[in-house]
Amino acid sequence: MHQYQCDSGASIAAAYPDTDSATVEYQGKRYDMQIAASASGARYVGGGLEWWTKGAGSGAEGMLLQHEAEGSSGKLIERCTVR
């Protein structure tokens, strides 16, 4: 489990059970997500949200966004870093 600290003060816990999926815990809810196409980094989609990650280890970044019905990224919800 990776712990991310977000700019808002919130935290996100993310696990990557295999190369095609992620489980994201945010504000007391769990989101099971599947890998999706991305230009860079890793992008996971599920539960109306997107979880994008870039980098590894301390300093890795993650962004939580709304996922739009047509498949595009929506509004940024959280910007986070592994500490």
N, C-alpha and C. Protein backbone atom coordinates (compact mmCIF):
# COMPACT_ATOMS: atom_id res chain seq x y z
N MET A 1 0.86 -1.18 0.00
CA MET A 1 0.00 0.00 0.00
C MET A 1 0.90 1.23 0.00
N HIS A 2 0.61 2.16 -0.90
CA HIS A 2 1.35 3.42 -0.99
C HIS A 2 0.49 4.51 -0.37
N GLN A 3 1.09 5.36 0.46
CA GLN A 3 0.39 6.46 1.12
C GLN A 3 0.77 7.77 0.45
N TYR A 4 -0.21 8.50 -0.02
CA TYR A 4 -0.01 9.79 -0.67
C TYR A 4 -0.58 10.89 0.21
N GLN A 5 0.15 11.97 0.36
CA GLN A 5 -0.32 13.16 1.08
C GLN A 5 -0.71 14.19 0.03
N CYS A 6 -1.93 14.69 0.11
CA CYS A 6 -2.44 15.61 -0.89
C CYS A 6 -2.29 17.06 -0.46
N ASP A 7 -2.25 17.96 -1.44
CA ASP A 7 -2.09 19.39 -1.18
C ASP A 7 -3.19 19.93 -0.27
N SER A 8 -4.39 19.33 -0.33
CA SER A 8 -5.52 19.80 0.47
C SER A 8 -5.41 19.37 1.93
N GLY A 9 -4.48 18.46 2.24
CA GLY A 9 -4.37 17.90 3.58
C GLY A 9 -4.97 16.51 3.67
N ALA A 10 -5.73 16.11 2.66
CA ALA A 10 -6.30 14.76 2.62
C ALA A 10 -5.20 13.75 2.31
N SER A 11 -5.50 12.48 2.50
CA SER A 11 -4.55 11.44 2.14
C SER A 11 -5.25 10.40 1.27
N ILE A 12 -4.46 9.72 0.46
CA ILE A 12 -4.95 8.66 -0.41
C ILE A 12 -4.04 7.46 -0.21
N ALA A 13 -4.65 6.28 -0.06
CA ALA A 13 -3.91 5.02 0.00
C ALA A 13 -4.19 4.29 -1.31
N ALA A 14 -3.15 3.85 -1.97
CA ALA A 14 -3.31 3.15 -3.24
C ALA A 14 -2.52 1.85 -3.23
N ALA A 15 -3.15 0.80 -3.72
CA ALA A 15 -2.50 -0.51 -3.86
C ALA A 15 -2.61 -0.92 -5.32
N TYR A 16 -1.62 -1.65 -5.77
CA TYR A 16 -1.55 -2.09 -7.15
C TYR A 16 -1.40 -3.61 -7.18
N PRO A 17 -2.54 -4.35 -7.12
CA PRO A 17 -2.48 -5.80 -7.03
C PRO A 17 -1.84 -6.48 -8.24
N ASP A 18 -1.96 -5.85 -9.40
CA ASP A 18 -1.30 -6.35 -10.62
C ASP A 18 -1.10 -5.16 -11.56
N THR A 19 -0.52 -5.42 -12.72
CA THR A 19 -0.19 -4.31 -13.63
C THR A 19 -1.40 -3.67 -14.28
N ASP A 20 -2.58 -4.29 -14.15
CA ASP A 20 -3.77 -3.78 -14.82
C ASP A 20 -4.80 -3.17 -13.88
N SER A 21 -4.50 -3.08 -12.57
CA SER A 21 -5.51 -2.58 -11.66
C SER A 21 -4.91 -1.82 -10.48
N ALA A 22 -5.76 -1.02 -9.85
CA ALA A 22 -5.39 -0.27 -8.65
C ALA A 22 -6.61 -0.21 -7.73
N THR A 23 -6.35 -0.17 -6.44
CA THR A 23 -7.39 0.07 -5.45
C THR A 23 -7.02 1.36 -4.74
N VAL A 24 -7.92 2.32 -4.77
CA VAL A 24 -7.67 3.64 -4.20
C VAL A 24 -8.66 3.88 -3.05
N GLU A 25 -8.14 4.26 -1.90
CA GLU A 25 -8.97 4.61 -0.75
C GLU A 25 -8.88 6.11 -0.53
N TYR A 26 -10.04 6.77 -0.57
CA TYR A 26 -10.12 8.23 -0.46
C TYR A 26 -11.38 8.61 0.28
N GLN A 27 -11.25 9.39 1.31
CA GLN A 27 -12.36 9.88 2.13
C GLN A 27 -13.29 8.74 2.57
N GLY A 28 -12.68 7.65 3.05
CA GLY A 28 -13.45 6.54 3.60
C GLY A 28 -14.10 5.63 2.58
N LYS A 29 -13.85 5.86 1.29
CA LYS A 29 -14.41 5.01 0.24
C LYS A 29 -13.30 4.30 -0.51
N ARG A 30 -13.62 3.11 -1.00
CA ARG A 30 -12.67 2.32 -1.77
C ARG A 30 -13.12 2.27 -3.23
N TYR A 31 -12.20 2.52 -4.13
CA TYR A 31 -12.47 2.51 -5.57
C TYR A 31 -11.58 1.47 -6.23
N ASP A 32 -12.21 0.48 -6.88
CA ASP A 32 -11.47 -0.51 -7.65
C ASP A 32 -11.38 0.01 -9.07
N MET A 33 -10.16 0.14 -9.57
CA MET A 33 -9.94 0.77 -10.86
C MET A 33 -9.17 -0.15 -11.81
N GLN A 34 -9.37 0.09 -13.10
CA GLN A 34 -8.67 -0.67 -14.13
C GLN A 34 -7.79 0.27 -14.94
N ILE A 35 -6.69 -0.26 -15.45
CA ILE A 35 -5.74 0.53 -16.24
C ILE A 35 -6.45 1.11 -17.47
N ALA A 36 -6.06 2.29 -17.88
CA ALA A 36 -6.61 2.95 -19.06
C ALA A 36 -5.45 3.60 -19.83
N ALA A 37 -5.69 3.92 -21.08
CA ALA A 37 -4.66 4.54 -21.91
C ALA A 37 -4.24 5.88 -21.34
N SER A 38 -2.93 6.18 -21.42
CA SER A 38 -2.42 7.48 -20.97
C SER A 38 -1.22 7.86 -21.82
N ALA A 39 -0.99 9.15 -21.95
CA ALA A 39 0.17 9.64 -22.70
C ALA A 39 1.45 9.43 -21.92
N SER A 40 1.37 9.57 -20.59
CA SER A 40 2.54 9.34 -19.73
C SER A 40 2.05 8.92 -18.36
N GLY A 41 2.88 8.22 -17.62
CA GLY A 41 2.49 7.74 -16.30
C GLY A 41 1.50 6.60 -16.41
N ALA A 42 0.86 6.26 -15.30
CA ALA A 42 -0.14 5.20 -15.28
C ALA A 42 -1.48 5.82 -14.92
N ARG A 43 -2.51 5.43 -15.64
CA ARG A 43 -3.86 5.99 -15.45
C ARG A 43 -4.82 4.84 -15.17
N TYR A 44 -5.58 4.97 -14.09
CA TYR A 44 -6.56 3.97 -13.69
C TYR A 44 -7.92 4.64 -13.59
N VAL A 45 -8.97 3.92 -14.00
CA VAL A 45 -10.32 4.47 -14.05
C VAL A 45 -11.29 3.54 -13.33
N GLY A 46 -12.20 4.11 -12.52
CA GLY A 46 -13.24 3.33 -11.87
C GLY A 46 -14.04 4.18 -10.90
N GLY A 47 -15.30 3.86 -10.75
CA GLY A 47 -16.15 4.56 -9.80
C GLY A 47 -16.34 6.03 -10.10
N GLY A 48 -16.26 6.41 -11.38
CA GLY A 48 -16.43 7.81 -11.76
C GLY A 48 -15.20 8.67 -11.53
N LEU A 49 -14.07 8.03 -11.16
CA LEU A 49 -12.83 8.75 -10.88
C LEU A 49 -11.68 8.23 -11.74
N GLU A 50 -10.62 9.02 -11.79
CA GLU A 50 -9.36 8.61 -12.43
C GLU A 50 -8.24 8.82 -11.42
N TRP A 51 -7.29 7.90 -11.40
CA TRP A 51 -6.11 8.01 -10.56
C TRP A 51 -4.90 7.92 -11.49
N TRP A 52 -4.15 9.01 -11.60
CA TRP A 52 -2.95 9.07 -12.44
C TRP A 52 -1.73 9.08 -11.53
N THR A 53 -0.74 8.28 -11.85
CA THR A 53 0.49 8.28 -11.07
C THR A 53 1.68 8.45 -11.99
N LYS A 54 2.74 9.03 -11.43
CA LYS A 54 3.98 9.24 -12.17
C LYS A 54 5.13 9.13 -11.19
N GLY A 55 6.15 8.37 -11.55
CA GLY A 55 7.31 8.21 -10.69
C GLY A 55 7.13 7.05 -9.74
N ALA A 56 8.17 6.79 -8.96
CA ALA A 56 8.15 5.68 -8.01
C ALA A 56 8.87 6.10 -6.74
N GLY A 57 8.54 5.46 -5.63
CA GLY A 57 9.20 5.73 -4.36
C GLY A 57 8.83 7.09 -3.80
N SER A 58 9.67 7.58 -2.88
CA SER A 58 9.43 8.88 -2.26
C SER A 58 9.45 9.96 -3.33
N GLY A 59 8.45 10.81 -3.32
CA GLY A 59 8.36 11.87 -4.32
C GLY A 59 7.47 11.51 -5.49
N ALA A 60 7.00 10.25 -5.57
CA ALA A 60 6.08 9.88 -6.64
C ALA A 60 4.83 10.74 -6.53
N GLU A 61 4.23 11.04 -7.66
CA GLU A 61 3.07 11.92 -7.69
C GLU A 61 1.82 11.17 -8.09
N GLY A 62 0.68 11.64 -7.60
CA GLY A 62 -0.61 11.09 -7.98
C GLY A 62 -1.63 12.21 -8.09
N MET A 63 -2.57 12.05 -9.02
CA MET A 63 -3.66 13.01 -9.17
C MET A 63 -4.96 12.24 -9.22
N LEU A 64 -5.94 12.71 -8.49
CA LEU A 64 -7.28 12.15 -8.52
C LEU A 64 -8.17 13.14 -9.26
N LEU A 65 -8.87 12.65 -10.29
CA LEU A 65 -9.72 13.49 -11.12
C LEU A 65 -11.08 12.86 -11.30
N GLN A 66 -12.04 13.67 -11.69
CA GLN A 66 -13.33 13.13 -12.11
C GLN A 66 -13.12 12.48 -13.47
N HIS A 67 -13.87 11.43 -13.75
CA HIS A 67 -13.80 10.77 -15.06
C HIS A 67 -15.08 11.10 -15.82
N GLU A 68 -14.95 11.69 -16.97
CA GLU A 68 -16.10 12.10 -17.77
C GLU A 68 -16.68 10.91 -18.53
N ALA A 69 -17.97 10.96 -18.81
CA ALA A 69 -18.69 9.86 -19.45
C ALA A 69 -18.09 9.47 -20.80
N GLU A 70 -17.57 10.45 -21.54
CA GLU A 70 -17.02 10.13 -22.86
C GLU A 70 -15.59 9.61 -22.79
N GLY A 71 -15.07 9.44 -21.57
CA GLY A 71 -13.75 8.84 -21.39
C GLY A 71 -12.61 9.81 -21.14
N SER A 72 -12.90 11.11 -21.14
CA SER A 72 -11.84 12.09 -20.91
C SER A 72 -11.73 12.42 -19.42
N SER A 73 -10.63 13.09 -19.08
CA SER A 73 -10.40 13.52 -17.70
C SER A 73 -11.21 14.77 -17.41
N GLY A 74 -11.75 14.83 -16.21
CA GLY A 74 -12.52 16.00 -15.79
C GLY A 74 -11.75 16.82 -14.77
N LYS A 75 -12.48 17.42 -13.87
CA LYS A 75 -11.94 18.33 -12.87
C LYS A 75 -10.95 17.63 -11.93
N LEU A 76 -9.87 18.32 -11.62
CA LEU A 76 -8.88 17.84 -10.65
C LEU A 76 -9.49 17.88 -9.26
N ILE A 77 -9.43 16.77 -8.54
CA ILE A 77 -9.95 16.68 -7.18
C ILE A 77 -8.80 16.83 -6.18
N GLU A 78 -7.72 16.08 -6.38
CA GLU A 78 -6.56 16.11 -5.47
C GLU A 78 -5.26 15.97 -6.26
N ARG A 79 -4.23 16.65 -5.78
CA ARG A 79 -2.86 16.49 -6.27
C ARG A 79 -2.05 16.03 -5.06
N CYS A 80 -1.34 14.89 -5.19
CA CYS A 80 -0.72 14.24 -4.04
C CYS A 80 0.70 13.80 -4.34
N THR A 81 1.47 13.56 -3.26
CA THR A 81 2.85 13.10 -3.35
C THR A 81 3.10 12.05 -2.27
N VAL A 82 3.88 11.02 -2.62
CA VAL A 82 4.31 10.06 -1.63
C VAL A 82 5.33 10.75 -0.76
N ARG A 83 5.19 10.68 0.55
CA ARG A 83 6.11 11.34 1.47
C ARG A 83 6.93 10.34 2.23
